[in-house]
Amino acid sequence: MDNKALAELLFPDVTETREQTEARFPERQLPEGACVTRIGPSPTGFVHLGNLYNAIIAERIAHQSGGVFYLRIEDTDNKREVEGAVETLINAMDYFGVRFDEGATAEGDNGAYGPYRQRQRRDIYHVFAKWLVEQGLAYPCFMTAEELDAIREQQTAAKENPGIYGRYAEKSRSLTLEEIKQNIAEDKPWVLRYKAEMTDEYIEVKDAVRGAVKMPRNSMDFVLLKSDGIPTYHFAHVVDDHLMHSTHVIRGEEWLSSLPMHVELFGKLGWEQPVYCHTATLMKIDEENGGKRKLSKRKDPELALSYYQQEGISRDVVWEFLLTLLNSNYEEWRLANPGVSYLEFPYTLEKMSISGALVDLDKLRDISKEVICAMQPEKVYDEWYGWCSEYNREFADLLSKYKDRTLAALNVGKGGKKPRKDIETWKQACDFMSFYYDETFTVADDMNEQADEETRKQFFAKYLETYDHADDSQAWFEKVRAITAELGFAVKPKDFKKYPDSYKGSIVHITNMLRIALTGRANAPDIHEVSHVLGEDIVRARLGRWA
């Protein structure tokens, strides 16, 4: 076979040499040790937690080393592409605070190593595909779908590895140049396959997460270019990461089985391969059997990043949560560094687990309460208002109308050694904080559980008679104690527990009545603080309904 003639036949329009193409993508001028990383999502419209999980790893590696983090859209499978998916992905990454130095944007490309969308790089791939053909390392395959199905059935029946290799590749490999010319003249579709060597050898690749990985060397004649001339992931990834000078490839462990193909291509093309980092699969505890299982797009809404956006889970919370999954020492570091930004955490690949990363929503909520509790009221307000502007417009209007009251409300319970941790999501905050606004105030708990109607009326009447909005908390509480005793309730809860027949109830029932009247619920923040946020007019109006 005249390989150069075959290359010209298959790629008559390719005039640029591989050396000329590589010259268009010169080495990056970066400090020694700087890492170049990327994420390469497919534009399917479904942006999942794994995208963010790997993006955080890539972003940390790049930016902690003074390197570059970029976005490449791997759109080689146009059957799965969804219109607007790129914008959805970019918006999601922006929402979660992931910043790219270069790459694809909603408006186009930003950077000197583009295009950053693989379908736009078709001519680049063809340069290297032509070179592989010239070296006798690739060949056109005209097998039909029916022929491929028949081979697959034969291999299944014989319990052989599926794929095109060895004797299954002989028909296509043995075509003469004239036969190939005839097939092309008849407009028969073809794919370009890599010509592998049949071997029993093993390769060893150092994975930055898993250590040395020993695997069988590739012996498959895998597809490089599909029939439309667009490359497969295997070929595109190798070409792009070389030309864009990626130093590390962060991807899920499901790609481990493909590693021999990629190692083979880097070797045959004479390129230095990047450091591979195959990350652990995101798992959860199965409610049915108590075991771990992979997060499912169909079963688990928390796999979608949109879930966290719609629920109003702060980006800081998601980062803190994922960092606990990414590095085993993060929680220890956080305890030793309260108040320090998570971006200051010295993230390392060496501390990553190779077992499944457990996504525990209960743990996420606990982290959320801690993170929001530590936020300044102004930051809470800004994030909450930003979320409401998109997902709860009516509540956003309330936050805007009553900004000063809201900021004061967000300060309630902040003091002391045990500050309250009432807010876990912006969606939940709309419910929990609703009592601060007459427009959304409702009574949820049953006042009858605290005292009978006559006692309630007596209490609220006496309370309003003595109420002085200027009282400090001590003076206010002394008045509550006095009314409690006057109505026959135990001032000390333990007295009521010891002598229940001697009292109508305890001071707990009295303060619960106040909480329900002011906030609509028995479990609420400090009554004195809440009263001063609401203001005297609202306090008297709400309590007056019960007097």
Protein backbone atom coordinates (compact mmCIF):
# COMPACT_ATOMS: atom_id res chain seq x y z
CA MET A 1 0.00 0.00 0.00
CA ASP A 2 1.28 3.46 -0.95
CA ASN A 3 0.41 5.25 2.29
CA LYS A 4 1.15 8.72 0.97
CA ALA A 5 -1.15 8.14 -2.00
CA LEU A 6 -3.83 6.84 0.37
CA ALA A 7 -3.45 9.93 2.56
CA GLU A 8 -3.87 12.22 -0.46
CA LEU A 9 -6.90 10.24 -1.57
CA LEU A 10 -8.60 10.50 1.84
CA PHE A 11 -7.58 14.09 2.62
CA PRO A 12 -7.11 15.94 -0.68
CA ASP A 13 -7.90 19.33 0.88
CA VAL A 14 -5.33 19.09 3.68
CA THR A 15 -2.26 21.07 2.64
CA GLU A 16 -0.89 22.09 6.03
CA THR A 17 1.75 19.87 7.63
CA ARG A 18 1.61 18.79 11.27
CA GLU A 19 4.65 21.00 11.95
CA GLN A 20 2.86 24.04 10.51
CA THR A 21 -0.23 23.32 12.58
CA GLU A 22 1.76 22.89 15.78
CA ALA A 23 3.57 26.18 15.11
CA ARG A 24 0.20 27.95 15.35
CA PHE A 25 -0.10 26.78 18.96
CA PRO A 26 3.23 27.69 20.59
CA GLU A 27 4.26 26.75 24.12
CA ARG A 28 2.58 28.86 26.79
CA GLN A 29 4.77 31.35 28.58
CA LEU A 30 4.03 30.44 32.18
CA PRO A 31 6.03 30.21 35.42
CA GLU A 32 7.79 26.94 36.12
CA GLY A 33 5.41 24.46 37.71
CA ALA A 34 2.30 26.23 36.45
CA CYS A 35 -0.49 23.85 35.46
CA VAL A 36 -2.80 24.14 32.47
CA THR A 37 -6.14 22.45 32.99
CA ARG A 38 -9.59 22.41 31.47
CA ILE A 39 -13.01 20.92 31.61
CA GLY A 40 -14.42 19.51 28.39
CA PRO A 41 -18.15 18.97 28.81
CA SER A 42 -20.48 17.83 26.05
CA PRO A 43 -23.34 20.24 25.24
CA THR A 44 -26.15 17.85 26.15
CA GLY A 45 -28.10 20.38 28.22
CA PHE A 46 -27.65 18.38 31.42
CA VAL A 47 -25.06 20.02 33.65
CA HIS A 48 -24.35 17.72 36.56
CA LEU A 49 -22.55 17.78 39.88
CA GLY A 50 -19.68 15.80 38.37
CA ASN A 51 -19.01 18.70 35.96
CA LEU A 52 -18.60 21.06 38.91
CA TYR A 53 -16.68 18.47 40.96
CA ASN A 54 -14.05 18.11 38.23
CA ALA A 55 -14.12 21.84 37.43
CA ILE A 56 -13.17 22.70 41.01
CA ILE A 57 -10.25 20.26 40.88
CA ALA A 58 -9.04 21.69 37.58
CA GLU A 59 -9.54 25.29 38.68
CA ARG A 60 -7.66 24.76 41.97
CA ILE A 61 -4.74 22.96 40.31
CA ALA A 62 -4.36 25.73 37.72
CA HIS A 63 -4.87 28.80 39.84
CA GLN A 64 -2.92 27.62 42.89
CA SER A 65 0.07 27.08 40.60
CA GLY A 66 -0.24 30.33 38.66
CA GLY A 67 -1.41 28.50 35.56
CA VAL A 68 -4.37 28.57 33.17
CA PHE A 69 -7.84 27.06 33.43
CA TYR A 70 -9.92 26.93 30.26
CA LEU A 71 -13.26 25.70 28.93
CA ARG A 72 -13.38 23.45 25.86
CA ILE A 73 -16.71 22.29 24.46
CA GLU A 74 -16.50 18.68 23.29
CA ASP A 75 -19.32 18.68 20.78
CA THR A 76 -18.20 15.86 18.51
CA ASP A 77 -21.50 13.99 19.03
CA ASN A 78 -24.03 16.27 17.37
CA LYS A 79 -26.83 13.72 17.95
CA ARG A 80 -26.72 14.47 21.68
CA GLU A 81 -26.26 18.23 21.35
CA VAL A 82 -29.05 20.40 22.75
CA GLU A 83 -29.63 23.95 21.56
CA GLY A 84 -28.58 26.51 24.18
CA ALA A 85 -26.64 23.88 26.16
CA VAL A 86 -23.36 25.81 26.02
CA GLU A 87 -24.98 28.90 27.49
CA THR A 88 -26.63 26.75 30.17
CA LEU A 89 -23.28 25.27 31.11
CA ILE A 90 -21.49 28.63 31.19
CA ASN A 91 -24.25 30.19 33.29
CA ALA A 92 -24.16 27.28 35.74
CA MET A 93 -20.39 27.56 36.16
CA ASP A 94 -20.72 31.31 36.64
CA TYR A 95 -23.46 30.79 39.27
CA PHE A 96 -21.13 28.52 41.24
CA GLY A 97 -18.19 30.89 40.99
CA VAL A 98 -16.07 28.91 38.53
CA ARG A 99 -14.00 31.35 36.49
CA PHE A 100 -12.23 30.45 33.25
CA ASP A 101 -9.12 32.25 32.04
CA GLU A 102 -9.87 31.41 28.42
CA GLY A 103 -12.02 29.20 26.24
CA ALA A 104 -15.57 29.06 25.00
CA THR A 105 -17.93 31.83 26.07
CA ALA A 106 -21.57 32.59 25.32
CA GLU A 107 -20.40 35.23 22.83
CA GLY A 108 -17.69 33.16 21.14
CA ASP A 109 -14.10 32.27 22.06
CA ASN A 110 -11.65 33.97 24.36
CA GLY A 111 -8.01 32.97 24.02
CA ALA A 112 -5.14 32.25 21.64
CA TYR A 113 -5.52 28.46 21.47
CA GLY A 114 -8.96 28.21 19.91
CA PRO A 115 -11.31 27.40 18.45
CA TYR A 116 -12.48 25.95 21.78
CA ARG A 117 -15.39 24.03 20.25
CA GLN A 118 -14.27 20.74 18.76
CA ARG A 119 -16.58 20.76 15.74
CA GLN A 120 -14.88 24.01 14.69
CA ARG A 121 -11.46 22.30 14.84
CA ARG A 122 -12.27 19.73 12.13
CA ASP A 123 -9.49 20.88 9.79
CA ILE A 124 -6.92 20.65 12.59
CA TYR A 125 -7.76 17.02 13.32
CA HIS A 126 -7.56 16.17 9.63
CA VAL A 127 -3.93 17.35 9.51
CA PHE A 128 -2.94 14.76 12.10
CA ALA A 129 -5.28 12.13 10.72
CA LYS A 130 -3.57 12.50 7.33
CA TRP A 131 -0.16 12.16 8.99
CA LEU A 132 -1.24 8.94 10.72
CA VAL A 133 -2.37 7.52 7.37
CA GLU A 134 0.97 8.52 5.80
CA GLN A 135 2.77 6.58 8.54
CA GLY A 136 0.65 3.49 7.97
CA LEU A 137 -1.01 3.96 11.37
CA ALA A 138 -4.57 4.53 10.18
CA TYR A 139 -6.86 3.26 7.44
CA PRO A 140 -10.39 3.80 6.07
CA CYS A 141 -13.06 1.31 7.09
CA PHE A 142 -16.16 0.91 4.92
CA MET A 143 -17.96 -1.69 7.05
CA THR A 144 -21.70 -1.14 7.25
CA ALA A 145 -23.80 -1.02 10.39
CA GLU A 146 -25.12 -4.48 9.53
CA GLU A 147 -21.60 -5.89 9.26
CA LEU A 148 -20.62 -4.34 12.58
CA ASP A 149 -23.74 -5.76 14.24
CA ALA A 150 -22.94 -9.21 12.88
CA ILE A 151 -19.39 -9.02 14.29
CA ARG A 152 -20.74 -7.89 17.66
CA GLU A 153 -23.16 -10.82 17.77
CA GLN A 154 -20.39 -13.25 16.83
CA GLN A 155 -18.13 -11.87 19.55
CA THR A 156 -20.90 -12.02 22.13
CA ALA A 157 -21.64 -15.64 21.28
CA ALA A 158 -17.97 -16.53 21.50
CA LYS A 159 -17.52 -14.49 24.69
CA GLU A 160 -14.82 -12.41 23.05
CA ASN A 161 -13.98 -8.78 23.66
CA PRO A 162 -16.18 -6.53 21.53
CA GLY A 163 -14.56 -4.30 18.93
CA ILE A 164 -12.66 -4.31 15.67
CA TYR A 165 -9.28 -5.97 15.99
CA GLY A 166 -7.25 -8.89 14.66
CA ARG A 167 -9.23 -11.07 12.23
CA TYR A 168 -12.26 -8.78 12.54
CA ALA A 169 -10.21 -5.97 11.03
CA GLU A 170 -8.64 -8.00 8.22
CA LYS A 171 -11.28 -7.23 5.61
CA SER A 172 -10.84 -3.46 5.93
CA ARG A 173 -7.08 -3.57 6.43
CA SER A 174 -6.55 -5.66 3.29
CA LEU A 175 -8.33 -3.32 0.89
CA THR A 176 -6.15 -2.20 -2.00
CA LEU A 177 -5.75 1.42 -2.99
CA GLU A 178 -7.86 0.75 -6.09
CA GLU A 179 -10.63 -0.82 -4.02
CA ILE A 180 -10.62 2.16 -1.67
CA LYS A 181 -10.77 4.52 -4.66
CA GLN A 182 -13.74 2.57 -6.02
CA ASN A 183 -15.58 2.69 -2.70
CA ILE A 184 -15.07 6.44 -2.44
CA ALA A 185 -16.17 6.92 -6.05
CA GLU A 186 -19.36 5.02 -5.17
CA ASP A 187 -19.83 7.43 -2.25
CA LYS A 188 -19.68 4.69 0.35
CA PRO A 189 -19.39 6.17 3.86
CA TRP A 190 -16.18 5.39 5.76
CA VAL A 191 -14.59 5.97 9.12
CA LEU A 192 -10.89 6.29 9.81
CA ARG A 193 -9.57 3.63 12.18
CA TYR A 194 -6.30 3.49 14.09
CA LYS A 195 -4.19 0.48 13.02
CA ALA A 196 -3.28 -1.22 16.28
CA GLU A 197 -0.78 -3.98 16.91
CA MET A 198 -2.03 -7.26 18.34
CA THR A 199 -0.16 -7.61 21.60
CA ASP A 200 -0.25 -9.11 25.07
CA GLU A 201 1.89 -6.32 26.49
CA TYR A 202 0.92 -4.20 29.46
CA ILE A 203 1.43 -0.50 30.02
CA GLU A 204 1.86 1.33 33.30
CA VAL A 205 0.58 4.88 33.62
CA LYS A 206 1.07 7.07 36.67
CA ASP A 207 -2.28 8.52 37.62
CA ALA A 208 -2.06 11.54 39.94
CA VAL A 209 -5.02 10.26 41.98
CA ARG A 210 -4.62 6.46 41.76
CA GLY A 211 -0.89 6.04 41.53
CA ALA A 212 0.58 3.53 39.08
CA VAL A 213 -2.15 1.98 36.91
CA LYS A 214 -1.18 -1.19 35.01
CA MET A 215 -3.37 -2.05 32.00
CA PRO A 216 -3.24 -4.12 28.78
CA ARG A 217 -1.81 -2.14 25.91
CA ASN A 218 -4.33 -1.11 23.27
CA SER A 219 -4.95 -3.69 20.54
CA MET A 220 -8.20 -2.22 19.17
CA ASP A 221 -8.59 -0.59 15.77
CA PHE A 222 -10.67 2.18 17.32
CA VAL A 223 -12.28 4.97 15.30
CA LEU A 224 -10.37 8.21 14.91
CA LEU A 225 -12.73 10.04 12.54
CA LYS A 226 -16.42 9.32 12.10
CA SER A 227 -18.08 9.21 8.71
CA ASP A 228 -18.86 12.95 8.85
CA GLY A 229 -15.17 13.75 9.32
CA ILE A 230 -15.62 14.73 12.97
CA PRO A 231 -13.25 13.00 15.39
CA THR A 232 -14.16 10.72 18.24
CA TYR A 233 -13.39 11.85 21.78
CA HIS A 234 -10.31 9.61 21.82
CA PHE A 235 -8.64 11.37 18.92
CA ALA A 236 -9.88 14.90 19.60
CA HIS A 237 -8.80 14.84 23.25
CA VAL A 238 -5.24 13.84 22.38
CA VAL A 239 -4.84 16.45 19.64
CA ASP A 240 -6.47 19.24 21.63
CA ASP A 241 -4.69 18.65 24.90
CA HIS A 242 -1.37 18.60 23.06
CA LEU A 243 -2.01 21.78 21.06
CA MET A 244 -3.57 23.62 24.01
CA HIS A 245 -0.69 22.43 26.20
CA SER A 246 -2.80 20.89 28.96
CA THR A 247 -0.56 19.61 31.72
CA HIS A 248 -3.29 17.69 33.58
CA VAL A 249 -6.42 15.91 32.37
CA ILE A 250 -9.05 15.68 35.10
CA ARG A 251 -11.89 13.31 34.25
CA GLY A 252 -14.10 10.65 35.81
CA GLU A 253 -12.92 7.12 36.44
CA GLU A 254 -15.28 5.85 33.72
CA TRP A 255 -12.57 6.94 31.24
CA LEU A 256 -9.94 4.64 32.74
CA SER A 257 -10.80 1.85 30.29
CA SER A 258 -10.02 4.22 27.38
CA LEU A 259 -6.62 5.19 28.75
CA PRO A 260 -4.64 2.66 26.65
CA MET A 261 -6.03 4.22 23.45
CA HIS A 262 -4.95 7.68 24.52
CA VAL A 263 -1.52 6.57 25.70
CA GLU A 264 -1.07 4.81 22.33
CA LEU A 265 -1.92 7.94 20.35
CA PHE A 266 0.32 10.23 22.38
CA GLY A 267 3.16 7.78 21.85
CA LYS A 268 2.66 7.31 18.11
CA LEU A 269 2.32 11.05 17.54
CA GLY A 270 5.51 11.63 19.52
CA TRP A 271 3.91 13.88 22.08
CA GLU A 272 4.37 14.09 25.83
CA GLN A 273 1.20 12.91 27.50
CA PRO A 274 -0.38 15.04 30.24
CA VAL A 275 -0.78 13.88 33.82
CA TYR A 276 -4.03 11.92 34.07
CA CYS A 277 -6.26 12.34 37.11
CA HIS A 278 -9.18 9.91 37.14
CA THR A 279 -11.56 11.06 39.86
CA ALA A 280 -13.88 8.97 42.02
CA THR A 281 -17.49 8.41 41.01
CA LEU A 282 -20.14 10.39 42.88
CA MET A 283 -22.13 7.98 45.05
CA LYS A 284 -25.02 8.02 47.50
CA ILE A 285 -26.51 5.66 50.07
CA ASP A 286 -29.36 3.66 48.53
CA GLU A 287 -32.43 4.05 50.73
CA GLU A 288 -33.69 0.58 49.80
CA ASN A 289 -30.68 -1.57 50.66
CA GLY A 290 -28.39 0.78 52.58
CA GLY A 291 -25.51 0.23 50.18
CA LYS A 292 -23.62 2.72 48.03
CA ARG A 293 -24.64 3.29 44.44
CA LYS A 294 -23.75 5.70 41.67
CA LEU A 295 -25.81 8.87 41.47
CA SER A 296 -28.46 8.49 38.79
CA LYS A 297 -29.78 11.15 36.43
CA ARG A 298 -33.17 9.42 36.51
CA LYS A 299 -33.44 8.76 40.25
CA ASP A 300 -31.50 11.52 41.97
CA PRO A 301 -32.38 15.18 41.42
CA GLU A 302 -29.28 16.22 43.36
CA LEU A 303 -27.09 15.06 40.48
CA ALA A 304 -28.22 18.04 38.38
CA LEU A 305 -26.57 21.38 39.15
CA SER A 306 -29.94 23.00 38.48
CA TYR A 307 -31.18 21.32 41.68
CA TYR A 308 -28.76 23.39 43.78
CA GLN A 309 -29.67 26.55 41.90
CA GLN A 310 -33.42 26.02 42.21
CA GLU A 311 -33.18 25.11 45.90
CA GLY A 312 -31.11 28.22 46.52
CA ILE A 313 -28.05 26.50 47.94
CA SER A 314 -25.27 29.06 48.21
CA ARG A 315 -22.27 28.60 45.93
CA ASP A 316 -20.04 28.86 49.01
CA VAL A 317 -21.91 25.93 50.56
CA VAL A 318 -21.49 23.78 47.45
CA TRP A 319 -17.76 24.57 47.31
CA GLU A 320 -17.29 23.78 51.00
CA PHE A 321 -19.23 20.53 50.59
CA LEU A 322 -17.34 19.39 47.50
CA LEU A 323 -13.99 20.24 49.07
CA THR A 324 -14.82 17.86 51.92
CA LEU A 325 -15.24 15.16 49.23
CA LEU A 326 -12.16 16.19 47.29
CA ASN A 327 -9.58 16.32 50.08
CA SER A 328 -9.65 14.18 53.21
CA ASN A 329 -8.05 16.91 55.32
CA TYR A 330 -10.40 19.75 54.37
CA GLU A 331 -12.65 19.52 57.42
CA GLU A 332 -9.63 19.53 59.73
CA TRP A 333 -8.29 22.60 57.90
CA ARG A 334 -11.64 24.36 58.14
CA LEU A 335 -11.83 23.85 61.92
CA ALA A 336 -8.35 25.31 62.27
CA ASN A 337 -9.11 28.23 59.91
CA PRO A 338 -12.60 29.57 60.67
CA GLY A 339 -13.46 32.67 58.71
CA VAL A 340 -10.80 32.02 56.07
CA SER A 341 -11.96 31.68 52.45
CA TYR A 342 -12.06 28.13 51.13
CA LEU A 343 -9.97 29.42 48.24
CA GLU A 344 -7.07 29.64 50.69
CA PHE A 345 -7.19 25.89 51.31
CA PRO A 346 -4.06 24.18 49.90
CA TYR A 347 -5.79 21.63 47.68
CA THR A 348 -3.70 18.64 46.56
CA LEU A 349 -4.39 15.70 44.27
CA GLU A 350 -2.56 13.42 46.68
CA LYS A 351 -5.32 13.79 49.30
CA MET A 352 -8.06 12.62 46.94
CA SER A 353 -9.88 9.36 47.59
CA ILE A 354 -10.14 6.70 44.88
CA SER A 355 -13.28 5.20 46.39
CA GLY A 356 -16.68 6.65 45.54
CA ALA A 357 -17.28 10.19 46.80
CA LEU A 358 -20.42 10.08 48.96
CA VAL A 359 -22.96 12.84 48.28
CA ASP A 360 -24.84 13.17 51.58
CA LEU A 361 -27.53 15.86 51.45
CA ASP A 362 -27.93 15.84 55.24
CA LYS A 363 -24.26 16.73 55.54
CA LEU A 364 -24.71 19.38 52.87
CA ARG A 365 -27.54 20.99 54.87
CA ASP A 366 -25.45 20.96 58.04
CA ILE A 367 -22.59 22.64 56.20
CA SER A 368 -25.04 25.12 54.72
CA LYS A 369 -26.31 26.19 58.15
CA GLU A 370 -22.75 26.69 59.36
CA VAL A 371 -21.67 28.65 56.28
CA ILE A 372 -24.70 30.97 56.21
CA CYS A 373 -24.51 31.49 59.98
CA ALA A 374 -20.93 32.72 59.53
CA MET A 375 -21.85 35.12 56.71
CA GLN A 376 -22.30 38.83 57.35
CA PRO A 377 -25.95 39.94 57.05
CA GLU A 378 -25.13 42.04 53.98
CA LYS A 379 -23.73 39.02 52.14
CA VAL A 380 -26.72 36.89 53.15
CA TYR A 381 -29.05 39.61 51.92
CA ASP A 382 -27.26 40.00 48.58
CA GLU A 383 -27.20 36.26 47.82
CA TRP A 384 -30.77 35.74 49.01
CA TYR A 385 -32.05 38.70 47.03
CA GLY A 386 -30.14 37.53 43.94
CA TRP A 387 -31.74 34.09 44.17
CA CYS A 388 -35.23 35.52 44.78
CA SER A 389 -34.85 37.83 41.77
CA GLU A 390 -34.71 34.74 39.58
CA TYR A 391 -36.81 32.17 41.43
CA ASN A 392 -39.24 34.10 43.70
CA ARG A 393 -39.94 37.53 42.29
CA GLU A 394 -42.62 38.40 44.84
CA PHE A 395 -40.29 37.77 47.75
CA ALA A 396 -37.54 39.74 46.02
CA ASP A 397 -39.92 42.71 46.01
CA LEU A 398 -40.40 42.33 49.77
CA LEU A 399 -36.66 42.17 50.37
CA SER A 400 -36.21 45.31 48.33
CA LYS A 401 -39.11 47.12 50.04
CA TYR A 402 -37.99 46.19 53.55
CA LYS A 403 -34.22 46.05 53.15
CA ASP A 404 -33.36 47.67 56.50
CA ARG A 405 -35.80 45.44 58.37
CA THR A 406 -34.42 42.36 56.59
CA LEU A 407 -30.82 43.22 57.48
CA ALA A 408 -31.85 43.72 61.10
CA ALA A 409 -33.71 40.38 61.02
CA LEU A 410 -30.62 38.63 59.70
CA ASN A 411 -28.76 39.85 62.78
CA VAL A 412 -31.22 38.24 65.19
CA GLY A 413 -29.63 35.44 67.17
CA LYS A 414 -26.14 36.19 65.84
CA GLY A 415 -24.64 37.02 69.24
CA GLY A 416 -23.50 34.72 72.01
CA LYS A 417 -21.50 31.52 72.02
CA LYS A 418 -24.22 29.57 70.22
CA PRO A 419 -25.57 31.69 67.37
CA ARG A 420 -28.75 30.47 65.71
CA LYS A 421 -28.43 28.52 62.47
CA ASP A 422 -31.90 28.89 61.02
CA ILE A 423 -31.20 29.34 57.31
CA GLU A 424 -29.94 26.49 55.13
CA THR A 425 -31.10 27.53 51.64
CA TRP A 426 -32.46 30.70 50.06
CA LYS A 427 -35.66 28.83 49.22
CA GLN A 428 -36.11 27.76 52.85
CA ALA A 429 -35.24 31.30 54.00
CA CYS A 430 -38.31 32.62 52.21
CA ASP A 431 -40.43 30.37 54.42
CA PHE A 432 -38.53 30.79 57.69
CA MET A 433 -38.19 34.58 57.41
CA SER A 434 -41.73 35.16 56.13
CA PHE A 435 -43.03 36.30 59.55
CA TYR A 436 -41.02 39.51 59.31
CA TYR A 437 -43.39 40.79 56.61
CA ASP A 438 -47.15 41.24 57.06
CA GLU A 439 -47.62 40.30 53.42
CA THR A 440 -46.38 36.75 54.09
CA PHE A 441 -47.08 36.34 57.81
CA THR A 442 -49.22 33.30 58.71
CA VAL A 443 -49.87 31.40 61.93
CA ALA A 444 -48.67 27.82 61.51
CA ASP A 445 -48.69 26.47 65.08
CA ASP A 446 -51.72 25.86 67.28
CA MET A 447 -52.14 28.41 70.08
CA ASN A 448 -54.59 26.04 71.81
CA GLU A 449 -51.70 23.80 72.76
CA GLN A 450 -50.32 26.52 75.02
CA ALA A 451 -53.39 27.69 76.97
CA ASP A 452 -57.18 27.96 76.78
CA GLU A 453 -58.81 30.92 75.06
CA GLU A 454 -59.73 32.80 78.24
CA THR A 455 -56.19 32.52 79.62
CA ARG A 456 -54.74 33.62 76.29
CA LYS A 457 -56.90 36.73 76.23
CA GLN A 458 -55.93 37.59 79.79
CA PHE A 459 -52.25 37.16 79.03
CA PHE A 460 -52.16 39.26 75.87
CA ALA A 461 -54.25 42.01 77.46
CA LYS A 462 -51.89 42.23 80.46
CA TYR A 463 -48.81 42.00 78.26
CA LEU A 464 -49.94 44.91 76.07
CA GLU A 465 -50.81 46.99 79.14
CA THR A 466 -47.25 46.76 80.47
CA TYR A 467 -45.43 46.61 77.13
CA ASP A 468 -42.80 49.31 76.67
CA HIS A 469 -40.90 49.06 73.38
CA ALA A 470 -37.94 50.85 74.98
CA ASP A 471 -37.42 48.15 77.62
CA ASP A 472 -34.12 46.28 77.45
CA SER A 473 -34.24 42.48 77.43
CA GLN A 474 -33.89 42.17 81.22
CA ALA A 475 -36.67 44.64 82.02
CA TRP A 476 -38.88 43.04 79.37
CA PHE A 477 -38.35 39.55 80.76
CA GLU A 478 -39.09 40.62 84.33
CA LYS A 479 -42.49 41.84 83.17
CA VAL A 480 -43.13 38.51 81.43
CA ARG A 481 -42.18 36.67 84.62
CA ALA A 482 -44.55 38.80 86.67
CA ILE A 483 -47.51 38.13 84.34
CA THR A 484 -46.61 34.43 84.28
CA ALA A 485 -46.87 34.18 88.07
CA GLU A 486 -49.99 36.32 88.18
CA LEU A 487 -51.83 34.00 85.78
CA GLY A 488 -50.91 30.88 87.77
CA PHE A 489 -48.11 29.58 85.55
CA ALA A 490 -44.79 28.33 86.93
CA VAL A 491 -41.99 30.85 86.45
CA LYS A 492 -39.49 27.99 86.58
CA PRO A 493 -40.24 25.14 84.13
CA LYS A 494 -38.85 22.57 86.56
CA ASP A 495 -41.49 23.56 89.12
CA PHE A 496 -44.23 22.73 86.64
CA LYS A 497 -42.63 19.38 85.86
CA LYS A 498 -42.42 18.57 89.57
CA TYR A 499 -45.89 19.86 90.53
CA PRO A 500 -47.99 19.83 87.33
CA ASP A 501 -51.30 20.01 89.22
CA SER A 502 -50.28 23.22 90.99
CA TYR A 503 -49.93 25.33 87.82
CA LYS A 504 -51.79 26.04 84.57
CA GLY A 505 -48.50 25.57 82.79
CA SER A 506 -45.03 27.08 82.80
CA ILE A 507 -43.31 30.15 81.45
CA VAL A 508 -42.51 28.05 78.37
CA HIS A 509 -46.21 28.08 77.44
CA ILE A 510 -46.33 31.83 78.00
CA THR A 511 -43.33 32.57 75.78
CA ASN A 512 -44.61 30.11 73.16
CA MET A 513 -47.84 32.12 72.98
CA LEU A 514 -45.78 35.23 72.32
CA ARG A 515 -43.73 33.47 69.65
CA ILE A 516 -46.81 32.13 67.88
CA ALA A 517 -48.54 35.52 67.99
CA LEU A 518 -45.46 37.35 66.67
CA THR A 519 -43.96 34.80 64.29
CA GLY A 520 -46.69 32.19 63.71
CA ARG A 521 -44.62 29.37 65.19
CA ALA A 522 -43.46 28.17 68.61
CA ASN A 523 -39.89 27.56 67.45
CA ALA A 524 -38.65 31.03 66.64
CA PRO A 525 -35.78 33.38 67.50
CA ASP A 526 -35.57 35.54 70.62
CA ILE A 527 -38.88 37.35 71.15
CA HIS A 528 -37.33 40.58 72.41
CA GLU A 529 -35.00 40.79 69.38
CA VAL A 530 -37.80 39.93 66.95
CA SER A 531 -40.05 42.61 68.51
CA HIS A 532 -37.43 45.28 67.90
CA VAL A 533 -36.98 44.22 64.29
CA LEU A 534 -40.73 44.29 63.64
CA GLY A 535 -41.29 47.61 65.39
CA GLU A 536 -43.86 48.62 68.00
CA ASP A 537 -46.77 49.14 65.60
CA ILE A 538 -46.53 45.64 64.12
CA VAL A 539 -45.98 44.07 67.55
CA ARG A 540 -49.10 45.70 69.03
CA ALA A 541 -51.15 44.88 65.94
CA ARG A 542 -50.21 41.19 65.96
CA LEU A 543 -50.64 40.71 69.71
CA GLY A 544 -53.86 42.73 69.77
CA ARG A 545 -55.58 40.09 67.65
CA TRP A 546 -55.34 37.67 70.56
CA ALA A 547 -56.26 40.01 73.42
